[in-house]
Structure formats: structure tokens, C-alpha cells
Amino acid sequence: MTPNGVFTSEIKPHAIKVYADNFPNSPIHGDITQIPAEEIPDFDVLLAGFPCQAFSYAGKRQVYAISCNW
């Protein structure tokens, strides 16, 4: 079985560019909170990434100040 992406949602311009460069034939939808659920196609596996607060622009960006078991 060959994996096939059916839907991509992203809002960060840099991430959109990187994704588009690597998957030029895959449309990128915008803010997932603004997309009606019925517009998202059926899928078998859902992959999602949530920002690590230590690295995130929305977080405090104190990656080296926290203690983790990385």
C-alpha cells in the first residue's frame, strides 16, 4: 500500500513554503479552525503536530531553560 495524503492544513508561511516545495501537487488549506468538518475528506490515519511550547513562537521559547528527558 502506498501512502496518499488527502488533506493538509497549515497557517505558518514558512511551513507552507516548505510543504509546497516538497509536495507540489498537494493543496494546502488554511486555518483548520475555519474549515467545516464536512469539507475534510475521509481518511484512515490522522497525523497532527502540535507546537512544542519550548520552541514555539507562541510559547516562551525557553528550550534550554527547561528540564526534559530528551
Foldseek 3Di string as FASTA:
>chain_A
DDDDDQAAEDADPVVVVVVCVVVVPHDYHYDPVPDDPVVRDDDDDDDDDDDDLCCDPPHPVVVVVDDDPD
